[in-house]
Amino acid sequence: MAAITMRLPVARKAVGPSTARGGEKHLVAPGDTITTDTGYMRGHGTYVEEEKLIASVAGAVERVNKLVCVKALKTRYNGEVGDIVVGRITEVQQKRWKVETNSRLDSVLLLSSMNLPGGELRRRSAEDELAMRDYLQEGDLISAEVQSVFSDGAVSLHTRSLKYGKLGQGVLVQVSPSLVKRQKTHFHDLPCGASVILGNNGFIWIYPTPEHKDEEAGGFTTNLEPVPLSDREVISRLRNCVVALVTQQLMLFDTSILYCYEASLPHQIKDILKPEVMEEIVLETRQRLLDLEG
């Protein structure tokens, strides 16, 4: 018979809000008054009533000069040009693919917005259109960059670089986009032996670090060789660490994930998801981040 783990209820210590990366946030609920000062401009997530600026969503108040907006804690992805995203192909259409990117509307990847295998830069012919399903088909995962945003909020993607393209062996974790920290690069090779792509859309891809990065053929050749057990254990531990950070509402970036991974090493992989272990390793991660800033 399989072993069953049982825990008795315990009083957990209160964990204060994360003050790492930019100080304590001013959190509001819908209907809360943000300010009565009429000198402020109304931004997203706010409305004006009786000369008071009021929150229309639950989230953190952000001020840029005189502009006040509320960034929702849980929301769909709103695309911005230059964002790195991880998405799943949902439909193959004429000269385009529909991609699920955690947005309100499906994103679009045009046949003309990608490098064909081999990196050829040439006009797309009828033969290329007929072979679209050979490149990408329903269910395939891709990494891409946001090329433009349409007026209705839909996103157009491109994969015109060898670092983008079809994803092979790995694990996908879906989180709220508000927990992914914006950085100069969202592709990270971690020293523990695995790599992560932190999609701005809240899709996190964890995969074995490739040995030969210069052998990619246009981003569509995926390595389907069996992954060694040691690599699978590292990926599983990283996946559980990401879940722990998200549960405790800590921002995701390469340093926080690495610190959480190191804090989890004394514990077994499956134990990381236990509430008391989760609190312990995230508390240690939060403290190391504060020490790093200090």
Protein backbone atom coordinates (compact mmCIF):
# COMPACT_ATOMS: atom_id res chain seq x y z
CA MET A 1 0.00 0.00 0.00
CA ALA A 2 1.15 3.53 -0.73
CA ALA A 3 2.20 5.60 2.27
CA ILE A 4 -0.22 8.34 3.30
CA THR A 5 1.04 11.57 4.85
CA MET A 6 -1.25 13.09 7.49
CA ARG A 7 -0.74 16.45 9.21
CA LEU A 8 -2.43 17.80 12.31
CA PRO A 9 -3.62 21.44 12.19
CA VAL A 10 -1.06 23.86 13.59
CA ALA A 11 -1.13 27.58 14.20
CA ARG A 12 1.03 29.10 11.50
CA LYS A 13 3.10 32.20 12.10
CA ALA A 14 1.95 35.29 10.25
CA VAL A 15 4.16 36.14 7.30
CA GLY A 16 4.36 39.85 6.61
CA PRO A 17 3.96 41.28 3.11
CA SER A 18 6.96 41.08 0.84
CA THR A 19 8.93 44.31 0.99
CA ALA A 20 11.54 43.13 -1.49
CA ARG A 21 11.92 44.91 -4.79
CA GLY A 22 10.53 48.35 -4.29
CA GLY A 23 9.08 48.58 -0.77
CA GLU A 24 5.65 47.75 0.63
CA LYS A 25 2.77 47.96 -1.83
CA HIS A 26 -0.42 49.92 -1.16
CA LEU A 27 -3.14 47.31 -1.71
CA VAL A 28 -6.76 48.27 -2.37
CA ALA A 29 -10.07 46.47 -2.91
CA PRO A 30 -12.85 47.53 -5.31
CA GLY A 31 -14.59 50.60 -3.89
CA ASP A 32 -11.66 51.75 -1.75
CA THR A 33 -10.80 55.45 -1.94
CA ILE A 34 -7.26 55.90 -3.24
CA THR A 35 -7.03 59.66 -2.83
CA THR A 36 -9.24 62.73 -2.47
CA ASP A 37 -6.63 64.98 -4.11
CA THR A 38 -8.10 66.31 -7.39
CA GLY A 39 -4.63 66.90 -8.84
CA TYR A 40 -4.16 63.24 -9.81
CA MET A 41 -4.98 61.76 -13.25
CA ARG A 42 -7.20 58.65 -13.50
CA GLY A 43 -5.46 55.53 -14.85
CA HIS A 44 -6.45 51.89 -15.43
CA GLY A 45 -8.38 50.25 -12.59
CA THR A 46 -9.77 53.52 -11.18
CA TYR A 47 -12.79 55.80 -11.54
CA VAL A 48 -13.83 59.21 -10.15
CA GLU A 49 -16.88 59.70 -7.97
CA GLU A 50 -17.71 62.78 -5.85
CA GLU A 51 -14.21 64.18 -6.52
CA LYS A 52 -12.60 61.02 -5.07
CA LEU A 53 -10.38 58.59 -6.97
CA ILE A 54 -11.73 55.08 -6.29
CA ALA A 55 -10.34 51.62 -7.15
CA SER A 56 -12.42 49.47 -9.51
CA VAL A 57 -10.26 46.32 -9.12
CA ALA A 58 -8.34 44.61 -6.31
CA GLY A 59 -4.61 45.21 -6.64
CA ALA A 60 -1.59 47.38 -5.94
CA VAL A 61 -1.67 51.15 -6.44
CA GLU A 62 1.01 52.43 -8.82
CA ARG A 63 1.84 56.11 -9.26
CA VAL A 64 3.79 57.60 -12.16
CA ASN A 65 4.07 61.34 -11.54
CA LYS A 66 0.41 62.45 -11.41
CA LEU A 67 -1.01 59.30 -13.04
CA VAL A 68 -2.54 56.79 -10.63
CA CYS A 69 -3.53 53.27 -11.69
CA VAL A 70 -4.29 49.98 -9.93
CA LYS A 71 -2.47 46.87 -11.17
CA ALA A 72 -4.74 43.87 -10.56
CA LEU A 73 -3.23 41.01 -8.56
CA LYS A 74 -4.92 38.40 -10.75
CA THR A 75 -5.62 39.33 -14.33
CA ARG A 76 -5.39 38.19 -17.92
CA TYR A 77 -2.26 39.09 -19.86
CA ASN A 78 -2.25 42.50 -21.55
CA GLY A 79 0.38 42.41 -24.29
CA GLU A 80 3.07 45.04 -24.78
CA VAL A 81 5.46 45.28 -27.74
CA GLY A 82 8.73 43.51 -26.97
CA ASP A 83 7.30 41.12 -24.36
CA ILE A 84 8.59 37.53 -24.31
CA VAL A 85 5.73 35.03 -24.21
CA VAL A 86 5.27 31.26 -24.09
CA GLY A 87 2.15 30.07 -25.91
CA ARG A 88 0.32 27.00 -27.18
CA ILE A 89 -0.85 26.60 -30.79
CA THR A 90 -4.66 26.22 -30.79
CA GLU A 91 -5.48 26.43 -34.51
CA VAL A 92 -3.78 26.38 -37.92
CA GLN A 93 -5.39 28.91 -40.29
CA GLN A 94 -4.57 30.38 -43.68
CA LYS A 95 -1.07 31.90 -43.46
CA ARG A 96 -1.32 32.14 -39.66
CA TRP A 97 -1.48 30.22 -36.39
CA LYS A 98 -3.75 31.04 -33.45
CA VAL A 99 -1.86 30.93 -30.14
CA GLU A 100 -3.18 30.73 -26.56
CA THR A 101 -1.13 33.22 -24.49
CA ASN A 102 -3.29 33.69 -21.36
CA SER A 103 -4.78 36.81 -22.95
CA ARG A 104 -8.45 37.77 -23.38
CA LEU A 105 -8.16 37.04 -27.11
CA ASP A 106 -6.12 34.48 -29.03
CA SER A 107 -2.77 35.78 -30.27
CA VAL A 108 -1.69 35.48 -33.91
CA LEU A 109 1.58 34.19 -35.41
CA LEU A 110 1.74 35.00 -39.12
CA LEU A 111 3.62 32.72 -41.53
CA SER A 112 5.53 35.83 -42.67
CA SER A 113 6.58 36.59 -39.05
CA MET A 114 8.76 33.52 -38.60
CA ASN A 115 12.03 32.13 -39.91
CA LEU A 116 11.50 28.91 -41.83
CA PRO A 117 13.75 25.96 -40.88
CA GLY A 118 17.28 26.71 -41.99
CA GLY A 119 16.78 30.43 -41.35
CA GLU A 120 15.90 31.26 -44.97
CA LEU A 121 14.74 34.80 -45.62
CA ARG A 122 12.55 34.50 -48.73
CA ARG A 123 9.02 35.06 -49.92
CA ARG A 124 6.49 32.59 -48.57
CA SER A 125 5.12 30.42 -51.37
CA ALA A 126 2.01 28.24 -51.67
CA GLU A 127 4.20 25.23 -50.79
CA ASP A 128 5.15 26.89 -47.48
CA GLU A 129 1.48 27.48 -46.73
CA LEU A 130 0.66 23.82 -47.39
CA ALA A 131 3.52 22.73 -45.10
CA MET A 132 2.46 24.93 -42.16
CA ARG A 133 1.31 21.97 -40.09
CA ASP A 134 4.77 20.39 -40.52
CA TYR A 135 6.31 23.39 -38.74
CA LEU A 136 3.73 23.91 -35.98
CA GLN A 137 0.51 22.06 -35.24
CA GLU A 138 -2.19 22.17 -32.57
CA GLY A 139 -0.85 21.56 -29.08
CA ASP A 140 2.74 22.64 -29.84
CA LEU A 141 4.34 25.05 -27.37
CA ILE A 142 6.36 28.00 -28.67
CA SER A 143 8.35 30.92 -27.34
CA ALA A 144 7.90 34.20 -29.21
CA GLU A 145 8.12 37.98 -28.95
CA VAL A 146 5.22 40.43 -29.16
CA GLN A 147 5.52 42.28 -32.47
CA SER A 148 2.43 44.50 -32.24
CA VAL A 149 -0.84 44.91 -30.34
CA PHE A 150 -4.10 45.39 -32.26
CA SER A 151 -6.74 47.96 -31.27
CA ASP A 152 -8.94 45.26 -29.69
CA GLY A 153 -6.07 44.07 -27.46
CA ALA A 154 -5.15 40.98 -29.51
CA VAL A 155 -1.42 40.35 -29.88
CA SER A 156 0.65 39.64 -33.00
CA LEU A 157 3.77 37.52 -32.40
CA HIS A 158 7.02 36.86 -34.27
CA THR A 159 9.77 34.23 -33.98
CA ARG A 160 12.40 35.87 -36.21
CA SER A 161 15.29 34.81 -33.99
CA LEU A 162 16.93 31.46 -33.29
CA LYS A 163 16.24 31.85 -29.56
CA TYR A 164 12.49 31.68 -30.29
CA GLY A 165 10.55 28.80 -31.81
CA LYS A 166 9.12 25.41 -30.92
CA LEU A 167 9.68 24.09 -27.39
CA GLY A 168 10.64 20.45 -26.80
CA GLN A 169 11.15 18.59 -23.52
CA GLY A 170 10.17 20.43 -20.35
CA VAL A 171 7.45 21.44 -17.90
CA LEU A 172 4.93 24.30 -18.23
CA VAL A 173 3.74 26.20 -15.14
CA GLN A 174 0.91 28.72 -15.48
CA VAL A 175 0.91 31.66 -13.03
CA SER A 176 -0.60 35.13 -12.84
CA PRO A 177 1.22 37.54 -15.23
CA SER A 178 1.40 40.12 -12.41
CA LEU A 179 3.92 37.88 -10.56
CA VAL A 180 6.48 37.78 -13.40
CA LYS A 181 9.06 40.54 -12.97
CA ARG A 182 9.99 42.48 -16.12
CA GLN A 183 13.70 42.12 -16.92
CA LYS A 184 16.12 42.74 -19.77
CA THR A 185 16.13 39.01 -20.56
CA HIS A 186 13.56 36.34 -19.74
CA PHE A 187 15.73 33.38 -20.86
CA HIS A 188 17.84 32.11 -17.94
CA ASP A 189 20.30 29.20 -17.73
CA LEU A 190 20.37 28.47 -14.00
CA PRO A 191 23.55 27.04 -12.42
CA CYS A 192 21.56 24.09 -11.01
CA GLY A 193 21.48 22.49 -14.48
CA ALA A 194 18.15 23.61 -15.96
CA SER A 195 16.88 26.63 -17.85
CA VAL A 196 13.70 28.69 -17.57
CA ILE A 197 11.76 30.98 -19.88
CA LEU A 198 9.77 33.47 -17.79
CA GLY A 199 6.97 34.46 -20.15
CA ASN A 200 5.52 37.93 -19.49
CA ASN A 201 2.13 36.28 -20.03
CA GLY A 202 2.52 34.09 -16.92
CA PHE A 203 3.54 30.88 -18.73
CA ILE A 204 6.81 29.57 -17.22
CA TRP A 205 8.75 26.94 -19.22
CA ILE A 206 11.36 24.84 -17.35
CA TYR A 207 13.60 22.60 -19.47
CA PRO A 208 17.03 20.88 -19.50
CA THR A 209 19.83 23.28 -20.46
CA PRO A 210 20.80 22.41 -24.06
CA GLU A 211 24.40 21.29 -24.56
CA HIS A 212 24.84 22.72 -28.07
CA LYS A 213 23.06 26.01 -28.54
CA ASP A 214 24.52 26.76 -31.98
CA GLU A 215 23.01 23.70 -33.65
CA GLU A 216 19.45 25.03 -33.77
CA ALA A 217 17.91 24.98 -37.25
CA GLY A 218 15.54 27.93 -37.27
CA GLY A 219 14.00 27.12 -33.91
CA PHE A 220 11.89 24.19 -35.14
CA THR A 221 14.12 21.19 -34.42
CA THR A 222 13.20 19.87 -31.00
CA ASN A 223 15.33 17.41 -29.07
CA LEU A 224 13.12 14.46 -28.09
CA GLU A 225 15.89 12.34 -26.54
CA PRO A 226 15.06 10.83 -23.11
CA VAL A 227 15.90 13.25 -20.29
CA PRO A 228 18.21 11.77 -17.60
CA LEU A 229 16.69 11.20 -14.15
CA SER A 230 19.02 13.79 -12.54
CA ASP A 231 17.76 16.50 -14.94
CA ARG A 232 14.14 15.48 -14.35
CA GLU A 233 14.65 15.81 -10.59
CA VAL A 234 16.12 19.31 -10.99
CA ILE A 235 13.20 20.35 -13.24
CA SER A 236 10.64 18.89 -10.80
CA ARG A 237 12.26 20.73 -7.87
CA LEU A 238 12.29 24.01 -9.83
CA ARG A 239 8.65 23.51 -10.78
CA ASN A 240 7.63 23.02 -7.13
CA CYS A 241 9.72 26.05 -6.11
CA VAL A 242 7.88 28.22 -8.66
CA VAL A 243 4.53 26.96 -7.27
CA ALA A 244 5.72 27.77 -3.72
CA LEU A 245 6.78 31.32 -4.68
CA VAL A 246 3.46 31.94 -6.45
CA THR A 247 1.44 30.59 -3.49
CA GLN A 248 3.28 33.02 -1.19
CA GLN A 249 2.85 35.90 -3.70
CA LEU A 250 6.59 36.46 -4.27
CA MET A 251 7.74 37.90 -7.61
CA LEU A 252 9.30 35.47 -10.10
CA PHE A 253 12.72 36.28 -11.56
CA ASP A 254 15.95 34.33 -11.93
CA THR A 255 17.38 35.25 -8.50
CA SER A 256 14.21 34.49 -6.50
CA ILE A 257 13.80 31.11 -8.24
CA LEU A 258 17.48 30.19 -7.65
CA TYR A 259 17.36 31.22 -3.97
CA CYS A 260 14.16 29.22 -3.48
CA TYR A 261 15.78 26.21 -5.18
CA GLU A 262 18.78 26.40 -2.84
CA ALA A 263 16.52 26.79 0.21
CA SER A 264 14.54 23.68 -0.83
CA LEU A 265 17.58 21.37 -1.12
CA PRO A 266 17.29 19.95 2.47
CA HIS A 267 13.75 18.78 1.64
CA GLN A 268 12.47 16.08 -0.69
CA ILE A 269 10.92 17.29 -3.93
CA LYS A 270 7.37 16.21 -3.04
CA ASP A 271 7.63 17.82 0.44
CA ILE A 272 8.15 21.31 -1.04
CA LEU A 273 4.38 21.56 -1.66
CA LYS A 274 3.54 20.98 2.02
CA PRO A 275 2.27 24.31 3.45
CA GLU A 276 4.73 24.45 6.37
CA VAL A 277 7.74 23.60 4.15
CA MET A 278 6.54 26.08 1.53
CA GLU A 279 6.38 28.88 4.12
CA GLU A 280 9.81 28.01 5.49
CA ILE A 281 11.68 28.03 2.16
CA VAL A 282 9.88 31.14 0.83
CA LEU A 283 10.59 33.00 4.08
CA GLU A 284 14.29 32.14 3.70
CA THR A 285 14.16 33.24 0.04
CA ARG A 286 12.50 36.54 0.97
CA GLN A 287 15.13 37.20 3.65
CA ARG A 288 18.02 36.52 1.22
CA LEU A 289 16.46 38.93 -1.30
CA LEU A 290 16.20 41.62 1.39
CA ASP A 291 19.83 41.01 2.39
CA LEU A 292 20.84 41.27 -1.26
CA GLU A 293 19.17 44.68 -1.58
CA GLY A 294 20.59 45.87 1.73
